[in-house]
Amino acid sequence: MRAETRERIEEHFKVFSKWMIGKEGVEPELAIREGEKATAVLEQISEDKEVGVLVLGACAGSSPGPLVTQLVTKLGGDMTVPITVVPGAMTKEAIIAVS
């Protein structure tokens, strides 16, 4: 099951990567880690010096989601890069307008 999941992720990433290169001229990098999510994110940021900002998507509604909550409210002051939180209710057009 783990191998199938990794294959699905890699296939989705290929599509995303082609879009990013074609539309934005940016070549994304795929990083897959296992374990506690917030810890894995912090480790990736620590190990990859090219990470300049962490962009997280928040759930629409009363709670932004557990990862956003943990990284922003509990660990935000200890982050080595700025965090941008994109609201879940924000449209694609609105995101493009502010980027």
PDB file of N, CA and C in Angstrom:
ATOM      1  N   MET A   1       0.822  -1.195   0.000  1.00  0.00           N
ATOM      2  CA  MET A   1       0.000   0.000   0.000  1.00  0.00           C
ATOM      3  C   MET A   1       0.866   1.259   0.000  1.00  0.00           C
ATOM      4  N   ARG A   2       1.967   1.236   0.737  1.00  0.00           N
ATOM      5  CA  ARG A   2       2.864   2.386   0.786  1.00  0.00           C
ATOM      6  C   ARG A   2       3.435   2.688  -0.607  1.00  0.00           C
ATOM      7  N   ALA A   3       3.797   1.635  -1.339  1.00  0.00           N
ATOM      8  CA  ALA A   3       4.352   1.826  -2.683  1.00  0.00           C
ATOM      9  C   ALA A   3       3.301   2.402  -3.624  1.00  0.00           C
ATOM     10  N   GLU A   4       2.061   1.929  -3.501  1.00  0.00           N
ATOM     11  CA  GLU A   4       0.978   2.450  -4.343  1.00  0.00           C
ATOM     12  C   GLU A   4       0.712   3.924  -4.042  1.00  0.00           C
ATOM     13  N   THR A   5       0.746   4.269  -2.774  1.00  0.00           N
ATOM     14  CA  THR A   5       0.531   5.665  -2.376  1.00  0.00           C
ATOM     15  C   THR A   5       1.628   6.544  -2.940  1.00  0.00           C
ATOM     16  N   ARG A   6       2.870   6.087  -2.834  1.00  0.00           N
ATOM     17  CA  ARG A   6       3.999   6.866  -3.358  1.00  0.00           C
ATOM     18  C   ARG A   6       3.864   7.045  -4.881  1.00  0.00           C
ATOM     19  N   GLU A   7       3.461   5.985  -5.571  1.00  0.00           N
ATOM     20  CA  GLU A   7       3.273   6.071  -7.025  1.00  0.00           C
ATOM     21  C   GLU A   7       2.213   7.114  -7.380  1.00  0.00           C
ATOM     22  N   ARG A   8       1.092   7.109  -6.652  1.00  0.00           N
ATOM     23  CA  ARG A   8       0.025   8.086  -6.897  1.00  0.00           C
ATOM     24  C   ARG A   8       0.521   9.509  -6.681  1.00  0.00           C
ATOM     25  N   ILE A   9       1.267   9.699  -5.604  1.00  0.00           N
ATOM     26  CA  ILE A   9       1.819  11.030  -5.313  1.00  0.00           C
ATOM     27  C   ILE A   9       2.751  11.466  -6.441  1.00  0.00           C
ATOM     28  N   GLU A  10       3.618  10.579  -6.869  1.00  0.00           N
ATOM     29  CA  GLU A  10       4.575  10.923  -7.932  1.00  0.00           C
ATOM     30  C   GLU A  10       3.880  11.229  -9.246  1.00  0.00           C
ATOM     31  N   GLU A  11       2.803  10.499  -9.564  1.00  0.00           N
ATOM     32  CA  GLU A  11       2.053  10.765 -10.797  1.00  0.00           C
ATOM     33  C   GLU A  11       1.363  12.132 -10.726  1.00  0.00           C
ATOM     34  N   HIS A  12       0.743  12.444  -9.601  1.00  0.00           N
ATOM     35  CA  HIS A  12       0.122  13.766  -9.429  1.00  0.00           C
ATOM     36  C   HIS A  12       1.172  14.864  -9.504  1.00  0.00           C
ATOM     37  N   PHE A  13       2.331  14.605  -8.931  1.00  0.00           N
ATOM     38  CA  PHE A  13       3.394  15.603  -8.939  1.00  0.00           C
ATOM     39  C   PHE A  13       3.894  15.875 -10.360  1.00  0.00           C
ATOM     40  N   LYS A  14       3.968  14.861 -11.191  1.00  0.00           N
ATOM     41  CA  LYS A  14       4.392  15.056 -12.584  1.00  0.00           C
ATOM     42  C   LYS A  14       3.472  16.053 -13.288  1.00  0.00           C
ATOM     43  N   VAL A  15       2.176  15.888 -13.096  1.00  0.00           N
ATOM     44  CA  VAL A  15       1.201  16.796 -13.713  1.00  0.00           C
ATOM     45  C   VAL A  15       1.388  18.204 -13.158  1.00  0.00           C
ATOM     46  N   PHE A  16       1.468  18.314 -11.829  1.00  0.00           N
ATOM     47  CA  PHE A  16       1.660  19.603 -11.174  1.00  0.00           C
ATOM     48  C   PHE A  16       2.959  20.259 -11.636  1.00  0.00           C
ATOM     49  N   SER A  17       4.024  19.485 -11.717  1.00  0.00           N
ATOM     50  CA  SER A  17       5.333  20.004 -12.106  1.00  0.00           C
ATOM     51  C   SER A  17       5.306  20.580 -13.529  1.00  0.00           C
ATOM     52  N   LYS A  18       4.680  19.850 -14.436  1.00  0.00           N
ATOM     53  CA  LYS A  18       4.570  20.346 -15.820  1.00  0.00           C
ATOM     54  C   LYS A  18       3.810  21.670 -15.857  1.00  0.00           C
ATOM     55  N   TRP A  19       2.733  21.756 -15.082  1.00  0.00           N
ATOM     56  CA  TRP A  19       1.945  22.983 -15.032  1.00  0.00           C
ATOM     57  C   TRP A  19       2.779  24.130 -14.474  1.00  0.00           C
ATOM     58  N   MET A  20       3.488  23.910 -13.373  1.00  0.00           N
ATOM     59  CA  MET A  20       4.304  24.962 -12.750  1.00  0.00           C
ATOM     60  C   MET A  20       5.406  25.446 -13.698  1.00  0.00           C
ATOM     61  N   ILE A  21       6.054  24.532 -14.365  1.00  0.00           N
ATOM     62  CA  ILE A  21       7.125  24.906 -15.296  1.00  0.00           C
ATOM     63  C   ILE A  21       6.534  25.694 -16.469  1.00  0.00           C
ATOM     64  N   GLY A  22       5.431  25.205 -17.031  1.00  0.00           N
ATOM     65  CA  GLY A  22       4.816  25.869 -18.175  1.00  0.00           C
ATOM     66  C   GLY A  22       4.191  27.213 -17.847  1.00  0.00           C
ATOM     67  N   LYS A  23       3.484  27.296 -16.732  1.00  0.00           N
ATOM     68  CA  LYS A  23       2.752  28.524 -16.373  1.00  0.00           C
ATOM     69  C   LYS A  23       3.609  29.538 -15.630  1.00  0.00           C
ATOM     70  N   GLU A  24       4.430  29.056 -14.717  1.00  0.00           N
ATOM     71  CA  GLU A  24       5.164  29.955 -13.826  1.00  0.00           C
ATOM     72  C   GLU A  24       6.670  29.973 -14.056  1.00  0.00           C
ATOM     73  N   GLY A  25       7.173  29.030 -14.841  1.00  0.00           N
ATOM     74  CA  GLY A  25       8.618  28.974 -15.074  1.00  0.00           C
ATOM     75  C   GLY A  25       9.395  28.524 -13.844  1.00  0.00           C
ATOM     76  N   VAL A  26       8.718  27.821 -12.960  1.00  0.00           N
ATOM     77  CA  VAL A  26       9.331  27.361 -11.710  1.00  0.00           C
ATOM     78  C   VAL A  26       9.322  25.841 -11.700  1.00  0.00           C
ATOM     79  N   GLU A  27      10.456  25.247 -11.387  1.00  0.00           N
ATOM     80  CA  GLU A  27      10.520  23.789 -11.294  1.00  0.00           C
ATOM     81  C   GLU A  27      10.402  23.361  -9.836  1.00  0.00           C
ATOM     82  N   PRO A  28       9.261  22.761  -9.468  1.00  0.00           N
ATOM     83  CA  PRO A  28       9.072  22.359  -8.073  1.00  0.00           C
ATOM     84  C   PRO A  28       9.895  21.115  -7.739  1.00  0.00           C
ATOM     85  N   GLU A  29      10.085  20.906  -6.458  1.00  0.00           N
ATOM     86  CA  GLU A  29      10.817  19.747  -5.963  1.00  0.00           C
ATOM     87  C   GLU A  29       9.878  18.935  -5.080  1.00  0.00           C
ATOM     88  N   LEU A  30       9.862  17.636  -5.272  1.00  0.00           N
ATOM     89  CA  LEU A  30       9.027  16.754  -4.471  1.00  0.00           C
ATOM     90  C   LEU A  30       9.826  16.231  -3.282  1.00  0.00           C
ATOM     91  N   ALA A  31       9.274  16.406  -2.098  1.00  0.00           N
ATOM     92  CA  ALA A  31       9.894  15.874  -0.880  1.00  0.00           C
ATOM     93  C   ALA A  31       8.847  15.049  -0.155  1.00  0.00           C
ATOM     94  N   ILE A  32       9.133  13.772   0.044  1.00  0.00           N
ATOM     95  CA  ILE A  32       8.210  12.889   0.743  1.00  0.00           C
ATOM     96  C   ILE A  32       8.874  12.448   2.039  1.00  0.00           C
ATOM     97  N   ARG A  33       8.169  12.658   3.144  1.00  0.00           N
ATOM     98  CA  ARG A  33       8.654  12.254   4.463  1.00  0.00           C
ATOM     99  C   ARG A  33       7.553  11.504   5.193  1.00  0.00           C
ATOM    100  N   GLU A  34       7.964  10.688   6.138  1.00  0.00           N
ATOM    101  CA  GLU A  34       7.010   9.979   6.974  1.00  0.00           C
ATOM    102  C   GLU A  34       7.201  10.409   8.413  1.00  0.00           C
ATOM    103  N   GLY A  35       6.133  10.290   9.185  1.00  0.00           N
ATOM    104  CA  GLY A  35       6.210  10.639  10.590  1.00  0.00           C
ATOM    105  C   GLY A  35       5.244  11.755  10.931  1.00  0.00           C
ATOM    106  N   GLU A  36       5.466  12.361  12.076  1.00  0.00           N
ATOM    107  CA  GLU A  36       4.609  13.448  12.545  1.00  0.00           C
ATOM    108  C   GLU A  36       4.753  14.629  11.589  1.00  0.00           C
ATOM    109  N   LYS A  37       3.637  15.152  11.114  1.00  0.00           N
ATOM    110  CA  LYS A  37       3.645  16.136  10.024  1.00  0.00           C
ATOM    111  C   LYS A  37       4.417  17.415  10.332  1.00  0.00           C
ATOM    112  N   ALA A  38       4.153  18.033  11.470  1.00  0.00           N
ATOM    113  CA  ALA A  38       4.826  19.291  11.795  1.00  0.00           C
ATOM    114  C   ALA A  38       6.332  19.082  11.920  1.00  0.00           C
ATOM    115  N   THR A  39       6.729  17.991  12.540  1.00  0.00           N
ATOM    116  CA  THR A  39       8.157  17.677  12.680  1.00  0.00           C
ATOM    117  C   THR A  39       8.798  17.485  11.312  1.00  0.00           C
ATOM    118  N   ALA A  40       8.103  16.779  10.420  1.00  0.00           N
ATOM    119  CA  ALA A  40       8.630  16.542   9.078  1.00  0.00           C
ATOM    120  C   ALA A  40       8.797  17.848   8.305  1.00  0.00           C
ATOM    121  N   VAL A  41       7.830  18.759   8.439  1.00  0.00           N
ATOM    122  CA  VAL A  41       7.924  20.055   7.764  1.00  0.00           C
ATOM    123  C   VAL A  41       9.125  20.835   8.291  1.00  0.00           C
ATOM    124  N   LEU A  42       9.281  20.871   9.598  1.00  0.00           N
ATOM    125  CA  LEU A  42      10.405  21.599  10.208  1.00  0.00           C
ATOM    126  C   LEU A  42      11.742  21.002   9.792  1.00  0.00           C
ATOM    127  N   GLU A  43      11.825  19.678   9.724  1.00  0.00           N
ATOM    128  CA  GLU A  43      13.063  19.021   9.288  1.00  0.00           C
ATOM    129  C   GLU A  43      13.388  19.376   7.843  1.00  0.00           C
ATOM    130  N   GLN A  44      12.376  19.388   6.984  1.00  0.00           N
ATOM    131  CA  GLN A  44      12.590  19.728   5.576  1.00  0.00           C
ATOM    132  C   GLN A  44      13.110  21.150   5.440  1.00  0.00           C
ATOM    133  N   ILE A  45      12.498  22.067   6.165  1.00  0.00           N
ATOM    134  CA  ILE A  45      12.933  23.461   6.122  1.00  0.00           C
ATOM    135  C   ILE A  45      14.364  23.590   6.620  1.00  0.00           C
ATOM    136  N   SER A  46      14.688  22.879   7.666  1.00  0.00           N
ATOM    137  CA  SER A  46      16.026  22.928   8.253  1.00  0.00           C
ATOM    138  C   SER A  46      17.085  22.381   7.296  1.00  0.00           C
ATOM    139  N   GLU A  47      16.737  21.323   6.575  1.00  0.00           N
ATOM    140  CA  GLU A  47      17.704  20.655   5.694  1.00  0.00           C
ATOM    141  C   GLU A  47      17.814  21.297   4.312  1.00  0.00           C
ATOM    142  N   ASP A  48      16.764  21.954   3.854  1.00  0.00           N
ATOM    143  CA  ASP A  48      16.759  22.530   2.506  1.00  0.00           C
ATOM    144  C   ASP A  48      16.888  24.046   2.609  1.00  0.00           C
ATOM    145  N   LYS A  49      18.064  24.540   2.407  1.00  0.00           N
ATOM    146  CA  LYS A  49      18.336  25.973   2.569  1.00  0.00           C
ATOM    147  C   LYS A  49      17.698  26.831   1.476  1.00  0.00           C
ATOM    148  N   GLU A  50      17.139  26.203   0.434  1.00  0.00           N
ATOM    149  CA  GLU A  50      16.459  26.965  -0.615  1.00  0.00           C
ATOM    150  C   GLU A  50      15.036  27.343  -0.226  1.00  0.00           C
ATOM    151  N   VAL A  51      14.506  26.769   0.853  1.00  0.00           N
ATOM    152  CA  VAL A  51      13.158  27.115   1.301  1.00  0.00           C
ATOM    153  C   VAL A  51      13.205  28.518   1.897  1.00  0.00           C
ATOM    154  N   GLY A  52      12.443  29.436   1.301  1.00  0.00           N
ATOM    155  CA  GLY A  52      12.449  30.819   1.764  1.00  0.00           C
ATOM    156  C   GLY A  52      11.173  31.244   2.453  1.00  0.00           C
ATOM    157  N   VAL A  53      10.093  30.482   2.224  1.00  0.00           N
ATOM    158  CA  VAL A  53       8.801  30.781   2.855  1.00  0.00           C
ATOM    159  C   VAL A  53       7.997  29.484   2.870  1.00  0.00           C
ATOM    160  N   LEU A  54       7.208  29.301   3.912  1.00  0.00           N
ATOM    161  CA  LEU A  54       6.322  28.147   4.014  1.00  0.00           C
ATOM    162  C   LEU A  54       4.910  28.623   3.705  1.00  0.00           C
ATOM    163  N   VAL A  55       4.286  28.022   2.694  1.00  0.00           N
ATOM    164  CA  VAL A  55       2.921  28.381   2.322  1.00  0.00           C
ATOM    165  C   VAL A  55       2.012  27.221   2.694  1.00  0.00           C
ATOM    166  N   LEU A  56       1.010  27.516   3.524  1.00  0.00           N
ATOM    167  CA  LEU A  56       0.069  26.506   3.983  1.00  0.00           C
ATOM    168  C   LEU A  56      -1.337  26.883   3.554  1.00  0.00           C
ATOM    169  N   GLY A  57      -2.145  25.903   3.233  1.00  0.00           N
ATOM    170  CA  GLY A  57      -3.547  26.127   2.920  1.00  0.00           C
ATOM    171  C   GLY A  57      -4.391  25.826   4.141  1.00  0.00           C
ATOM    172  N   ALA A  58      -5.232  26.756   4.521  1.00  0.00           N
ATOM    173  CA  ALA A  58      -6.105  26.572   5.679  1.00  0.00           C
ATOM    174  C   ALA A  58      -7.465  26.066   5.228  1.00  0.00           C
ATOM    175  N   CYS A  59      -8.080  25.251   6.048  1.00  0.00           N
ATOM    176  CA  CYS A  59      -9.450  24.793   5.792  1.00  0.00           C
ATOM    177  C   CYS A  59     -10.399  25.965   5.972  1.00  0.00           C
ATOM    178  N   ALA A  60     -11.424  26.004   5.152  1.00  0.00           N
ATOM    179  CA  ALA A  60     -12.471  27.003   5.350  1.00  0.00           C
ATOM    180  C   ALA A  60     -13.305  26.570   6.553  1.00  0.00           C
ATOM    181  N   GLY A  61     -13.755  27.511   7.338  1.00  0.00           N
ATOM    182  CA  GLY A  61     -14.576  27.178   8.495  1.00  0.00           C
ATOM    183  C   GLY A  61     -13.952  27.668   9.787  1.00  0.00           C
ATOM    184  N   SER A  62     -14.300  27.019  10.867  1.00  0.00           N
ATOM    185  CA  SER A  62     -13.900  27.509  12.190  1.00  0.00           C
ATOM    186  C   SER A  62     -12.469  27.173  12.572  1.00  0.00           C
ATOM    187  N   SER A  63     -11.875  26.161  11.981  1.00  0.00           N
ATOM    188  CA  SER A  63     -10.503  25.783  12.317  1.00  0.00           C
ATOM    189  C   SER A  63      -9.679  25.667  11.043  1.00  0.00           C
ATOM    190  N   PRO A  64      -8.456  26.194  11.030  1.00  0.00           N
ATOM    191  CA  PRO A  64      -7.645  26.127   9.815  1.00  0.00           C
ATOM    192  C   PRO A  64      -7.101  24.732   9.537  1.00  0.00           C
ATOM    193  N   GLY A  65      -7.197  23.842  10.489  1.00  0.00           N
ATOM    194  CA  GLY A  65      -6.671  22.486  10.340  1.00  0.00           C
ATOM    195  C   GLY A  65      -5.533  22.253  11.319  1.00  0.00           C
ATOM    196  N   PRO A  66      -5.242  21.005  11.643  1.00  0.00           N
ATOM    197  CA  PRO A  66      -4.264  20.704  12.683  1.00  0.00           C
ATOM    198  C   PRO A  66      -2.834  21.122  12.341  1.00  0.00           C
ATOM    199  N   LEU A  67      -2.410  20.961  11.096  1.00  0.00           N
ATOM    200  CA  LEU A  67      -1.034  21.321  10.736  1.00  0.00           C
ATOM    201  C   LEU A  67      -0.829  22.830  10.805  1.00  0.00           C
ATOM    202  N   VAL A  68      -1.768  23.576  10.253  1.00  0.00           N
ATOM    203  CA  VAL A  68      -1.679  25.036  10.315  1.00  0.00           C
ATOM    204  C   VAL A  68      -1.700  25.499  11.764  1.00  0.00           C
ATOM    205  N   THR A  69      -2.604  24.949  12.551  1.00  0.00           N
ATOM    206  CA  THR A  69      -2.706  25.326  13.963  1.00  0.00           C
ATOM    207  C   THR A  69      -1.395  25.068  14.691  1.00  0.00           C
ATOM    208  N   GLN A  70      -0.833  23.889  14.495  1.00  0.00           N
ATOM    209  CA  GLN A  70       0.409  23.547  15.203  1.00  0.00           C
ATOM    210  C   GLN A  70       1.581  24.412  14.753  1.00  0.00           C
ATOM    211  N   LEU A  71       1.740  24.586  13.450  1.00  0.00           N
ATOM    212  CA  LEU A  71       2.903  25.337  12.960  1.00  0.00           C
ATOM    213  C   LEU A  71       2.799  26.831  13.234  1.00  0.00           C
ATOM    214  N   VAL A  72       1.602  27.374  13.166  1.00  0.00           N
ATOM    215  CA  VAL A  72       1.440  28.816  13.348  1.00  0.00           C
ATOM    216  C   VAL A  72       1.329  29.198  14.820  1.00  0.00           C
ATOM    217  N   THR A  73       0.445  28.532  15.554  1.00  0.00           N
ATOM    218  CA  THR A  73       0.205  28.965  16.930  1.00  0.00           C
ATOM    219  C   THR A  73       1.207  28.419  17.929  1.00  0.00           C
ATOM    220  N   LYS A  74       1.681  27.198  17.724  1.00  0.00           N
ATOM    221  CA  LYS A  74       2.569  26.591  18.710  1.00  0.00           C
ATOM    222  C   LYS A  74       4.047  26.753  18.360  1.00  0.00           C
ATOM    223  N   LEU A  75       4.360  26.744  17.080  1.00  0.00           N
ATOM    224  CA  LEU A  75       5.764  26.764  16.674  1.00  0.00           C
ATOM    225  C   LEU A  75       6.141  27.990  15.858  1.00  0.00           C
ATOM    226  N   GLY A  76       5.165  28.843  15.543  1.00  0.00           N
ATOM    227  CA  GLY A  76       5.398  29.988  14.660  1.00  0.00           C
ATOM    228  C   GLY A  76       6.551  30.877  15.072  1.00  0.00           C
ATOM    229  N   GLY A  77       6.711  31.114  16.357  1.00  0.00           N
ATOM    230  CA  GLY A  77       7.787  31.973  16.834  1.00  0.00           C
ATOM    231  C   GLY A  77       9.169  31.378  16.679  1.00  0.00           C
ATOM    232  N   ASP A  78       9.236  30.061  16.496  1.00  0.00           N
ATOM    233  CA  ASP A  78      10.522  29.380  16.352  1.00  0.00           C
ATOM    234  C   ASP A  78      10.866  29.059  14.902  1.00  0.00           C
ATOM    235  N   MET A  79      10.002  29.437  13.973  1.00  0.00           N
ATOM    236  CA  MET A  79      10.251  29.135  12.560  1.00  0.00           C
ATOM    237  C   MET A  79      11.434  29.942  12.046  1.00  0.00           C
ATOM    238  N   THR A  80      12.167  29.355  11.112  1.00  0.00           N
ATOM    239  CA  THR A  80      13.328  30.039  10.520  1.00  0.00           C
ATOM    240  C   THR A  80      12.978  30.696   9.192  1.00  0.00           C
ATOM    241  N   VAL A  81      11.735  30.503   8.734  1.00  0.00           N
ATOM    242  CA  VAL A  81      11.239  31.149   7.512  1.00  0.00           C
ATOM    243  C   VAL A  81       9.848  31.710   7.805  1.00  0.00           C
ATOM    244  N   PRO A  82       9.414  32.723   7.062  1.00  0.00           N
ATOM    245  CA  PRO A  82       8.056  33.240   7.253  1.00  0.00           C
ATOM    246  C   PRO A  82       7.010  32.213   6.815  1.00  0.00           C
ATOM    247  N   ILE A  83       5.820  32.319   7.394  1.00  0.00           N
ATOM    248  CA  ILE A  83       4.705  31.440   7.044  1.00  0.00           C
ATOM    249  C   ILE A  83       3.609  32.277   6.385  1.00  0.00           C
ATOM    250  N   THR A  84       3.099  31.803   5.255  1.00  0.00           N
ATOM    251  CA  THR A  84       1.944  32.411   4.601  1.00  0.00           C
ATOM    252  C   THR A  84       0.809  31.402   4.663  1.00  0.00           C
ATOM    253  N   VAL A  85      -0.336  31.830   5.154  1.00  0.00           N
ATOM    254  CA  VAL A  85      -1.505  30.955   5.230  1.00  0.00           C
ATOM    255  C   VAL A  85      -2.531  31.436   4.211  1.00  0.00           C
ATOM    256  N   VAL A  86      -2.891  30.556   3.291  1.00  0.00           N
ATOM    257  CA  VAL A  86      -3.888  30.868   2.268  1.00  0.00           C
ATOM    258  C   VAL A  86      -5.238  30.364   2.765  1.00  0.00           C
ATOM    259  N   PRO A  87      -6.215  31.253   2.919  1.00  0.00           N
ATOM    260  CA  PRO A  87      -7.538  30.842   3.408  1.00  0.00           C
ATOM    261  C   PRO A  87      -8.209  29.860   2.455  1.00  0.00           C
ATOM    262  N   GLY A  88      -8.866  28.867   3.027  1.00  0.00           N
ATOM    263  CA  GLY A  88      -9.534  27.854   2.220  1.00  0.00           C
ATOM    264  C   GLY A  88     -10.655  28.385   1.350  1.00  0.00           C
ATOM    265  N   ALA A  89     -11.259  29.482   1.746  1.00  0.00           N
ATOM    266  CA  ALA A  89     -12.365  30.056   0.982  1.00  0.00           C
ATOM    267  C   ALA A  89     -11.890  30.994  -0.132  1.00  0.00           C
ATOM    268  N   MET A  90     -10.591  31.209  -0.234  1.00  0.00           N
ATOM    269  CA  MET A  90     -10.058  32.137  -1.227  1.00  0.00           C
ATOM    270  C   MET A  90     -10.112  31.496  -2.620  1.00  0.00           C
ATOM    271  N   THR A  91     -10.607  32.235  -3.595  1.00  0.00           N
ATOM    272  CA  THR A  91     -10.701  31.698  -4.956  1.00  0.00           C
ATOM    273  C   THR A  91      -9.346  31.732  -5.645  1.00  0.00           C
ATOM    274  N   LYS A  92      -9.244  30.958  -6.708  1.00  0.00           N
ATOM    275  CA  LYS A  92      -8.014  30.939  -7.503  1.00  0.00           C
ATOM    276  C   LYS A  92      -7.718  32.338  -8.046  1.00  0.00           C
ATOM    277  N   GLU A  93      -8.756  33.024  -8.478  1.00  0.00           N
ATOM    278  CA  GLU A  93      -8.586  34.375  -9.014  1.00  0.00           C
ATOM    279  C   GLU A  93      -8.069  35.339  -7.953  1.00  0.00           C
ATOM    280  N   ALA A  94      -8.565  35.223  -6.746  1.00  0.00           N
ATOM    281  CA  ALA A  94      -8.119  36.085  -5.656  1.00  0.00           C
ATOM    282  C   ALA A  94      -6.661  35.797  -5.299  1.00  0.00           C
ATOM    283  N   ILE A  95      -6.293  34.528  -5.324  1.00  0.00           N
ATOM    284  CA  ILE A  95      -4.892  34.161  -5.039  1.00  0.00           C
ATOM    285  C   ILE A  95      -3.974  34.761  -6.103  1.00  0.00           C
ATOM    286  N   ILE A  96      -4.369  34.634  -7.354  1.00  0.00           N
ATOM    287  CA  ILE A  96      -3.560  35.187  -8.459  1.00  0.00           C
ATOM    288  C   ILE A  96      -3.456  36.706  -8.318  1.00  0.00           C
ATOM    289  N   ALA A  97      -4.528  37.353  -7.924  1.00  0.00           N
ATOM    290  CA  ALA A  97      -4.538  38.817  -7.796  1.00  0.00           C
ATOM    291  C   ALA A  97      -3.568  39.322  -6.754  1.00  0.00           C
ATOM    292  N   VAL A  98      -3.332  38.572  -5.696  1.00  0.00           N
ATOM    293  CA  VAL A  98      -2.416  39.030  -4.633  1.00  0.00           C
ATOM    294  C   VAL A  98      -1.016  38.469  -4.779  1.00  0.00           C
ATOM    295  N   SER A  99      -0.786  37.616  -5.753  1.00  0.00           N
ATOM    296  CA  SER A  99       0.546  37.026  -5.887  1.00  0.00           C
ATOM    297  C   SER A  99       1.375  37.716  -6.952  1.00  0.00           C
TER     298      SER A  99
END
